[in-house]
Amino acid sequence: MREVRAPALALRGIRRVYGVGPVAVRALDGVDLELAPGEFVSVEGPSGCGKTTLLNLLGLLDQPTDGSLEWNGRPVGRLPERERARRRLTGVGFIFQRFYLLPTLTAEENIELPMRGARLPAPVRAARTKELLAAVGLADRARSKPHQLSGGEEQRVAIARALANEPGLLLADEPTGELDRANTESVLDLLVDAQRRTGATVVLVTHNPAVARRAHRHLTMADGRIVADTREA
C-alpha cells in the first residue's frame, strides 16, 4: 500500500438536530474537534450519544445543522451532493458492524466495486484487488461469495473494500460488534496495520473498552458532546 494523503479535519461548533419544535433531537450539540493527519482515534459513549452521527458528518454522509466542518482548512460540510459523493468515493473508506457486502458478488468483485466507481483502469483494479486480498489474508477466497465466508472473513473483505481507493480517512462504526474475540483481534490488527502503512486517519466507534485501547487517542461522548479527550502517553 502506498502512503495516502490524510486530511486534517476540524469541526467547529457543530450541531446536528433532527426534527423541529418539541420533538427535535440534538444528536450533536456544540462539538469542537481537530484531528491531525494519520491519527488513530476511538470514540466511546452510550447508545444515542452521537457517535454515529459524528462519523456520518466526518464522512460527508450527513450535513451539520450549524457549525463548520473543514478538510485541510476548507469547508466541506455543505458541499453540493455531487461533490460530497465524489469526495466520499475517493477520500473516505467506511467499515460497518454489518458488513454490507453484495451477496451476488464474489470477494474480489466486492472489493473492486469502489475502484469501478472511481473509473480506475481494469489492470489497476485487478492488481489492487489481488494486493488487498493478500493483505487481509484471503488470497485463496477471492472467488467466494459472502455466504461462503465466515463473519470474520466477511469483515476482512469489507476492510479491503474500504481501502480500495486508498482513502485518507477510514471510518469504522462498531466493526467488531458481531465478531468473536479471535476475529476481533484480527480485524483490529488489520486496521492498525493499514493506518501504519498508509498514514490514513482512522476514527473507530466502539462500545468495547478493549477495542478502544488499540487507538492512540480516545474520545468519550455523552448527550451529543465530547466530554473527554485523552491520548496515549
C-alpha atoms as a PDB file:
ATOM      1  CA  MET A   1       0.000   0.000   0.000  1.00  0.00           C
ATOM      2  CA  ARG A   2       1.314   3.422  -0.870  1.00  0.00           C
ATOM      3  CA  GLU A   3       1.232   6.334   1.537  1.00  0.00           C
ATOM      4  CA  VAL A   4      -2.013   8.265   1.186  1.00  0.00           C
ATOM      5  CA  ARG A   5      -2.809  11.891   1.831  1.00  0.00           C
ATOM      6  CA  ALA A   6      -4.802  12.049   5.043  1.00  0.00           C
ATOM      7  CA  PRO A   7      -6.764  15.257   5.610  1.00  0.00           C
ATOM      8  CA  ALA A   8      -6.533  17.459   8.670  1.00  0.00           C
ATOM      9  CA  LEU A   9     -10.098  17.596   9.996  1.00  0.00           C
ATOM     10  CA  ALA A  10     -11.704  20.340  12.051  1.00  0.00           C
ATOM     11  CA  LEU A  11     -15.225  20.568  13.468  1.00  0.00           C
ATOM     12  CA  ARG A  12     -16.196  23.905  14.950  1.00  0.00           C
ATOM     13  CA  GLY A  13     -19.402  24.449  16.885  1.00  0.00           C
ATOM     14  CA  ILE A  14     -21.087  21.510  15.176  1.00  0.00           C
ATOM     15  CA  ARG A  15     -24.761  20.920  15.937  1.00  0.00           C
ATOM     16  CA  ARG A  16     -26.920  18.291  14.275  1.00  0.00           C
ATOM     17  CA  VAL A  17     -30.615  18.491  15.059  1.00  0.00           C
ATOM     18  CA  TYR A  18     -33.215  16.060  13.741  1.00  0.00           C
ATOM     19  CA  GLY A  19     -36.817  17.216  13.704  1.00  0.00           C
ATOM     20  CA  VAL A  20     -38.281  20.543  14.831  1.00  0.00           C
ATOM     21  CA  GLY A  21     -40.037  22.023  17.809  1.00  0.00           C
ATOM     22  CA  PRO A  22     -40.651  19.976  20.971  1.00  0.00           C
ATOM     23  CA  VAL A  23     -39.777  16.672  19.243  1.00  0.00           C
ATOM     24  CA  ALA A  24     -36.384  17.895  17.980  1.00  0.00           C
ATOM     25  CA  VAL A  25     -33.427  15.677  18.867  1.00  0.00           C
ATOM     26  CA  ARG A  26     -29.978  17.203  19.280  1.00  0.00           C
ATOM     27  CA  ALA A  27     -27.725  14.391  18.111  1.00  0.00           C
ATOM     28  CA  LEU A  28     -24.693  16.691  18.297  1.00  0.00           C
ATOM     29  CA  ASP A  29     -24.728  19.784  20.471  1.00  0.00           C
ATOM     30  CA  GLY A  30     -21.728  22.062  20.031  1.00  0.00           C
ATOM     31  CA  VAL A  31     -18.870  19.729  19.051  1.00  0.00           C
ATOM     32  CA  ASP A  32     -15.385  21.162  18.596  1.00  0.00           C
ATOM     33  CA  LEU A  33     -12.745  18.721  17.406  1.00  0.00           C
ATOM     34  CA  GLU A  34      -9.488  18.728  15.476  1.00  0.00           C
ATOM     35  CA  LEU A  35      -7.918  15.584  14.031  1.00  0.00           C
ATOM     36  CA  ALA A  36      -4.357  15.594  12.745  1.00  0.00           C
ATOM     37  CA  PRO A  37      -3.458  13.608   9.625  1.00  0.00           C
ATOM     38  CA  GLY A  38      -2.663   9.988  10.445  1.00  0.00           C
ATOM     39  CA  GLU A  39      -4.272   9.849  13.891  1.00  0.00           C
ATOM     40  CA  PHE A  40      -5.961   6.673  15.146  1.00  0.00           C
ATOM     41  CA  VAL A  41      -8.893   7.807  17.285  1.00  0.00           C
ATOM     42  CA  SER A  42     -11.512   5.815  19.193  1.00  0.00           C
ATOM     43  CA  VAL A  43     -14.939   7.206  20.083  1.00  0.00           C
ATOM     44  CA  GLU A  44     -16.836   5.714  23.035  1.00  0.00           C
ATOM     45  CA  GLY A  45     -20.084   6.518  24.781  1.00  0.00           C
ATOM     46  CA  PRO A  46     -23.573   5.146  25.460  1.00  0.00           C
ATOM     47  CA  SER A  47     -26.093   4.433  22.727  1.00  0.00           C
ATOM     48  CA  GLY A  48     -27.675   7.619  21.425  1.00  0.00           C
ATOM     49  CA  CYS A  49     -24.837   9.918  22.477  1.00  0.00           C
ATOM     50  CA  GLY A  50     -23.986  10.994  18.912  1.00  0.00           C
ATOM     51  CA  LYS A  51     -21.128   8.668  17.945  1.00  0.00           C
ATOM     52  CA  THR A  52     -22.561   7.501  14.637  1.00  0.00           C
ATOM     53  CA  THR A  53     -23.806  10.998  13.792  1.00  0.00           C
ATOM     54  CA  LEU A  54     -20.266  12.289  14.295  1.00  0.00           C
ATOM     55  CA  LEU A  55     -18.922   9.585  11.981  1.00  0.00           C
ATOM     56  CA  ASN A  56     -21.544  10.371   9.336  1.00  0.00           C
ATOM     57  CA  LEU A  57     -20.604  14.057   9.379  1.00  0.00           C
ATOM     58  CA  LEU A  58     -16.887  13.311   9.129  1.00  0.00           C
ATOM     59  CA  GLY A  59     -17.561  11.028   6.178  1.00  0.00           C
ATOM     60  CA  LEU A  60     -19.840  13.528   4.395  1.00  0.00           C
ATOM     61  CA  LEU A  61     -22.860  11.227   4.662  1.00  0.00           C
ATOM     62  CA  ASP A  62     -24.696  13.952   6.580  1.00  0.00           C
ATOM     63  CA  GLN A  63     -24.569  17.739   6.936  1.00  0.00           C
ATOM     64  CA  PRO A  64     -24.455  19.818  10.120  1.00  0.00           C
ATOM     65  CA  THR A  65     -27.395  21.937  11.186  1.00  0.00           C
ATOM     66  CA  ASP A  66     -24.955  24.583  12.460  1.00  0.00           C
ATOM     67  CA  GLY A  67     -21.196  24.953  12.634  1.00  0.00           C
ATOM     68  CA  SER A  68     -18.439  24.152  10.164  1.00  0.00           C
ATOM     69  CA  LEU A  69     -16.590  21.036   9.034  1.00  0.00           C
ATOM     70  CA  GLU A  70     -13.238  21.523   7.328  1.00  0.00           C
ATOM     71  CA  TRP A  71     -10.819  19.275   5.480  1.00  0.00           C
ATOM     72  CA  ASN A  72      -7.357  20.826   5.255  1.00  0.00           C
ATOM     73  CA  GLY A  73      -8.793  24.223   6.172  1.00  0.00           C
ATOM     74  CA  ARG A  74     -11.513  24.172   3.513  1.00  0.00           C
ATOM     75  CA  PRO A  75     -15.219  23.974   4.401  1.00  0.00           C
ATOM     76  CA  VAL A  76     -16.826  20.737   3.197  1.00  0.00           C
ATOM     77  CA  GLY A  77     -19.866  20.416   5.448  1.00  0.00           C
ATOM     78  CA  ARG A  78     -22.340  21.852   2.956  1.00  0.00           C
ATOM     79  CA  LEU A  79     -20.906  20.965  -0.417  1.00  0.00           C
ATOM     80  CA  PRO A  80     -23.329  20.023  -3.214  1.00  0.00           C
ATOM     81  CA  GLU A  81     -24.209  16.338  -3.066  1.00  0.00           C
ATOM     82  CA  ARG A  82     -22.352  15.505  -6.265  1.00  0.00           C
ATOM     83  CA  GLU A  83     -19.101  16.857  -4.848  1.00  0.00           C
ATOM     84  CA  ARG A  84     -19.745  15.177  -1.490  1.00  0.00           C
ATOM     85  CA  ALA A  85     -20.243  11.852  -3.262  1.00  0.00           C
ATOM     86  CA  ARG A  86     -17.014  12.299  -5.197  1.00  0.00           C
ATOM     87  CA  ARG A  87     -15.060  13.014  -2.030  1.00  0.00           C
ATOM     88  CA  ARG A  88     -16.633  10.061  -0.230  1.00  0.00           C
ATOM     89  CA  LEU A  89     -15.693   7.744  -3.081  1.00  0.00           C
ATOM     90  CA  THR A  90     -12.080   8.842  -3.408  1.00  0.00           C
ATOM     91  CA  GLY A  91     -11.230  10.056   0.096  1.00  0.00           C
ATOM     92  CA  VAL A  92     -13.215   8.051   2.652  1.00  0.00           C
ATOM     93  CA  GLY A  93     -13.397   4.354   3.473  1.00  0.00           C
ATOM     94  CA  PHE A  94     -16.335   3.077   5.541  1.00  0.00           C
ATOM     95  CA  ILE A  95     -16.442  -0.083   7.668  1.00  0.00           C
ATOM     96  CA  PHE A  96     -19.673  -1.041   9.400  1.00  0.00           C
ATOM     97  CA  GLN A  97     -20.755  -3.566  12.021  1.00  0.00           C
ATOM     98  CA  ARG A  98     -22.852  -5.341   9.412  1.00  0.00           C
ATOM     99  CA  PHE A  99     -20.584  -5.925   6.501  1.00  0.00           C
ATOM    100  CA  TYR A 100     -22.888  -4.801   3.651  1.00  0.00           C
ATOM    101  CA  LEU A 101     -21.195  -6.969   1.052  1.00  0.00           C
ATOM    102  CA  LEU A 102     -23.266  -7.532  -2.087  1.00  0.00           C
ATOM    103  CA  PRO A 103     -24.374 -11.169  -1.816  1.00  0.00           C
ATOM    104  CA  THR A 104     -24.309 -11.883  -5.551  1.00  0.00           C
ATOM    105  CA  LEU A 105     -20.687 -10.766  -5.948  1.00  0.00           C
ATOM    106  CA  THR A 106     -17.506 -12.608  -5.030  1.00  0.00           C
ATOM    107  CA  ALA A 107     -14.999 -11.250  -2.528  1.00  0.00           C
ATOM    108  CA  GLU A 108     -12.814  -9.835  -5.281  1.00  0.00           C
ATOM    109  CA  GLU A 109     -15.821  -8.271  -7.044  1.00  0.00           C
ATOM    110  CA  ASN A 110     -16.980  -6.596  -3.815  1.00  0.00           C
ATOM    111  CA  ILE A 111     -13.511  -5.145  -3.295  1.00  0.00           C
ATOM    112  CA  GLU A 112     -13.336  -3.936  -6.882  1.00  0.00           C
ATOM    113  CA  LEU A 113     -16.636  -2.014  -6.745  1.00  0.00           C
ATOM    114  CA  PRO A 114     -15.279   1.297  -5.342  1.00  0.00           C
ATOM    115  CA  MET A 115     -12.497   1.251  -7.921  1.00  0.00           C
ATOM    116  CA  ARG A 116     -15.046   0.817 -10.695  1.00  0.00           C
ATOM    117  CA  GLY A 117     -16.905   3.829  -9.303  1.00  0.00           C
ATOM    118  CA  ALA A 118     -13.655   5.799  -9.423  1.00  0.00           C
ATOM    119  CA  ARG A 119     -13.119   4.630 -13.017  1.00  0.00           C
ATOM    120  CA  LEU A 120      -9.733   3.088 -12.405  1.00  0.00           C
ATOM    121  CA  PRO A 121      -8.390   1.050 -15.341  1.00  0.00           C
ATOM    122  CA  ALA A 122      -9.055  -2.696 -15.255  1.00  0.00           C
ATOM    123  CA  PRO A 123      -5.375  -3.685 -14.812  1.00  0.00           C
ATOM    124  CA  VAL A 124      -5.063  -1.316 -11.854  1.00  0.00           C
ATOM    125  CA  ARG A 125      -8.253  -2.707 -10.296  1.00  0.00           C
ATOM    126  CA  ALA A 126      -7.085  -6.282 -10.715  1.00  0.00           C
ATOM    127  CA  ALA A 127      -3.642  -5.658  -9.238  1.00  0.00           C
ATOM    128  CA  ARG A 128      -5.035  -3.635  -6.338  1.00  0.00           C
ATOM    129  CA  THR A 129      -7.680  -6.254  -5.545  1.00  0.00           C
ATOM    130  CA  LYS A 130      -5.075  -9.005  -5.509  1.00  0.00           C
ATOM    131  CA  GLU A 131      -2.854  -6.921  -3.219  1.00  0.00           C
ATOM    132  CA  LEU A 132      -5.705  -6.216  -0.802  1.00  0.00           C
ATOM    133  CA  LEU A 133      -6.884  -9.831  -0.649  1.00  0.00           C
ATOM    134  CA  ALA A 134      -3.342 -10.862   0.247  1.00  0.00           C
ATOM    135  CA  ALA A 135      -3.087  -8.080   2.838  1.00  0.00           C
ATOM    136  CA  VAL A 136      -6.221  -9.306   4.658  1.00  0.00           C
ATOM    137  CA  GLY A 137      -5.206 -12.961   4.385  1.00  0.00           C
ATOM    138  CA  LEU A 138      -7.864 -14.007   1.884  1.00  0.00           C
ATOM    139  CA  ALA A 139      -5.916 -14.604  -1.312  1.00  0.00           C
ATOM    140  CA  ASP A 140      -7.442 -18.086  -1.532  1.00  0.00           C
ATOM    141  CA  ARG A 141     -11.039 -16.829  -1.097  1.00  0.00           C
ATOM    142  CA  ALA A 142     -11.125 -14.380  -3.985  1.00  0.00           C
ATOM    143  CA  ARG A 143     -13.989 -16.147  -5.770  1.00  0.00           C
ATOM    144  CA  SER A 144     -16.012 -16.932  -2.644  1.00  0.00           C
ATOM    145  CA  LYS A 145     -19.342 -15.191  -2.182  1.00  0.00           C
ATOM    146  CA  PRO A 146     -20.332 -13.727   1.203  1.00  0.00           C
ATOM    147  CA  HIS A 147     -22.469 -16.709   2.211  1.00  0.00           C
ATOM    148  CA  GLN A 148     -19.388 -18.911   1.790  1.00  0.00           C
ATOM    149  CA  LEU A 149     -17.318 -16.802   4.209  1.00  0.00           C
ATOM    150  CA  SER A 150     -17.243 -16.651   7.990  1.00  0.00           C
ATOM    151  CA  GLY A 151     -18.154 -13.425   9.781  1.00  0.00           C
ATOM    152  CA  GLY A 152     -14.504 -12.621  10.337  1.00  0.00           C
ATOM    153  CA  GLU A 153     -13.712 -13.227   6.683  1.00  0.00           C
ATOM    154  CA  GLU A 154     -16.608 -11.031   5.589  1.00  0.00           C
ATOM    155  CA  GLN A 155     -15.333  -8.187   7.743  1.00  0.00           C
ATOM    156  CA  ARG A 156     -11.846  -8.585   6.301  1.00  0.00           C
ATOM    157  CA  VAL A 157     -13.318  -8.304   2.803  1.00  0.00           C
ATOM    158  CA  ALA A 158     -15.188  -5.192   3.961  1.00  0.00           C
ATOM    159  CA  ILE A 159     -11.917  -3.681   5.231  1.00  0.00           C
ATOM    160  CA  ALA A 160     -10.209  -4.443   1.924  1.00  0.00           C
ATOM    161  CA  ARG A 161     -13.122  -2.796   0.100  1.00  0.00           C
ATOM    162  CA  ALA A 162     -12.819   0.284   2.333  1.00  0.00           C
ATOM    163  CA  LEU A 163      -9.132   0.541   1.419  1.00  0.00           C
ATOM    164  CA  ALA A 164      -9.669   0.001  -2.309  1.00  0.00           C
ATOM    165  CA  ASN A 165      -9.391   3.652  -3.371  1.00  0.00           C
ATOM    166  CA  GLU A 166      -6.587   4.326  -0.872  1.00  0.00           C
ATOM    167  CA  PRO A 167      -8.620   6.792   1.224  1.00  0.00           C
ATOM    168  CA  GLY A 168      -7.024   9.290   3.558  1.00  0.00           C
ATOM    169  CA  LEU A 169      -9.857   8.846   6.069  1.00  0.00           C
ATOM    170  CA  LEU A 170     -11.053   5.462   7.355  1.00  0.00           C
ATOM    171  CA  LEU A 171     -14.259   5.436   9.426  1.00  0.00           C
ATOM    172  CA  ALA A 172     -15.220   2.289  11.346  1.00  0.00           C
ATOM    173  CA  ASP A 173     -18.591   2.037  13.123  1.00  0.00           C
ATOM    174  CA  GLU A 174     -18.549  -0.880  15.600  1.00  0.00           C
ATOM    175  CA  PRO A 175     -16.533  -3.013  13.136  1.00  0.00           C
ATOM    176  CA  THR A 176     -16.065  -5.844  15.660  1.00  0.00           C
ATOM    177  CA  GLY A 177     -19.543  -5.772  17.177  1.00  0.00           C
ATOM    178  CA  GLU A 178     -20.599  -9.096  15.619  1.00  0.00           C
ATOM    179  CA  LEU A 179     -17.259 -10.894  15.881  1.00  0.00           C
ATOM    180  CA  ASP A 180     -15.777 -13.265  18.445  1.00  0.00           C
ATOM    181  CA  ARG A 181     -12.620 -12.409  20.343  1.00  0.00           C
ATOM    182  CA  ALA A 182     -10.177 -14.004  17.891  1.00  0.00           C
ATOM    183  CA  ASN A 183     -11.742 -12.320  14.863  1.00  0.00           C
ATOM    184  CA  THR A 184     -11.968  -9.033  16.774  1.00  0.00           C
ATOM    185  CA  GLU A 185      -8.212  -9.069  17.348  1.00  0.00           C
ATOM    186  CA  SER A 186      -7.586  -9.989  13.707  1.00  0.00           C
ATOM    187  CA  VAL A 187      -9.722  -7.103  12.439  1.00  0.00           C
ATOM    188  CA  LEU A 188      -8.089  -4.621  14.819  1.00  0.00           C
ATOM    189  CA  ASP A 189      -4.649  -5.785  13.726  1.00  0.00           C
ATOM    190  CA  LEU A 190      -5.658  -5.078  10.130  1.00  0.00           C
ATOM    191  CA  LEU A 191      -6.863  -1.569  10.994  1.00  0.00           C
ATOM    192  CA  VAL A 192      -3.691  -0.771  12.917  1.00  0.00           C
ATOM    193  CA  ASP A 193      -1.548  -2.150  10.105  1.00  0.00           C
ATOM    194  CA  ALA A 194      -3.451  -0.185   7.456  1.00  0.00           C
ATOM    195  CA  GLN A 195      -3.072   3.025   9.445  1.00  0.00           C
ATOM    196  CA  ARG A 196       0.651   2.485   9.927  1.00  0.00           C
ATOM    197  CA  ARG A 197       1.359   1.544   6.320  1.00  0.00           C
ATOM    198  CA  THR A 198      -0.770   4.147   4.558  1.00  0.00           C
ATOM    199  CA  GLY A 199      -0.815   7.044   7.011  1.00  0.00           C
ATOM    200  CA  ALA A 200      -4.618   7.244   6.850  1.00  0.00           C
ATOM    201  CA  THR A 201      -6.594   8.864   9.653  1.00  0.00           C
ATOM    202  CA  VAL A 202      -8.729   6.229  11.406  1.00  0.00           C
ATOM    203  CA  VAL A 203     -11.793   7.013  13.531  1.00  0.00           C
ATOM    204  CA  LEU A 204     -13.216   3.963  15.307  1.00  0.00           C
ATOM    205  CA  VAL A 205     -16.570   3.956  17.105  1.00  0.00           C
ATOM    206  CA  THR A 206     -16.949   1.221  19.730  1.00  0.00           C
ATOM    207  CA  HIS A 207     -18.707   0.237  22.949  1.00  0.00           C
ATOM    208  CA  ASN A 208     -15.814  -2.060  23.868  1.00  0.00           C
ATOM    209  CA  PRO A 209     -13.052  -0.516  26.045  1.00  0.00           C
ATOM    210  CA  ALA A 210     -10.617  -3.250  24.984  1.00  0.00           C
ATOM    211  CA  VAL A 211     -11.159  -2.323  21.332  1.00  0.00           C
ATOM    212  CA  ALA A 212     -10.807   1.392  22.095  1.00  0.00           C
ATOM    213  CA  ARG A 213      -7.407   0.798  23.698  1.00  0.00           C
ATOM    214  CA  ARG A 214      -5.926  -0.069  20.302  1.00  0.00           C
ATOM    215  CA  ALA A 215      -6.271   3.597  19.305  1.00  0.00           C
ATOM    216  CA  HIS A 216      -3.762   6.346  20.142  1.00  0.00           C
ATOM    217  CA  ARG A 217      -6.370   8.929  21.110  1.00  0.00           C
ATOM    218  CA  HIS A 218      -9.642   8.374  22.937  1.00  0.00           C
ATOM    219  CA  LEU A 219     -12.805  10.479  22.766  1.00  0.00           C
ATOM    220  CA  THR A 220     -15.766   9.948  25.081  1.00  0.00           C
ATOM    221  CA  MET A 221     -19.185  11.304  24.157  1.00  0.00           C
ATOM    222  CA  ALA A 222     -22.334  11.969  26.167  1.00  0.00           C
ATOM    223  CA  ASP A 223     -25.511  13.827  25.202  1.00  0.00           C
ATOM    224  CA  GLY A 224     -24.166  14.916  21.858  1.00  0.00           C
ATOM    225  CA  ARG A 225     -20.919  16.356  23.212  1.00  0.00           C
ATOM    226  CA  ILE A 226     -17.309  15.283  23.600  1.00  0.00           C
ATOM    227  CA  VAL A 227     -16.792  15.085  27.359  1.00  0.00           C
ATOM    228  CA  ALA A 228     -13.278  13.595  27.433  1.00  0.00           C
ATOM    229  CA  ASP A 229     -10.297  13.639  25.051  1.00  0.00           C
ATOM    230  CA  THR A 230      -7.191  11.730  26.099  1.00  0.00           C
ATOM    231  CA  ARG A 231      -4.054  10.499  24.368  1.00  0.00           C
ATOM    232  CA  GLU A 232      -1.712   7.618  24.976  1.00  0.00           C
ATOM    233  CA  ALA A 233       1.429   8.630  26.824  1.00  0.00           C
END
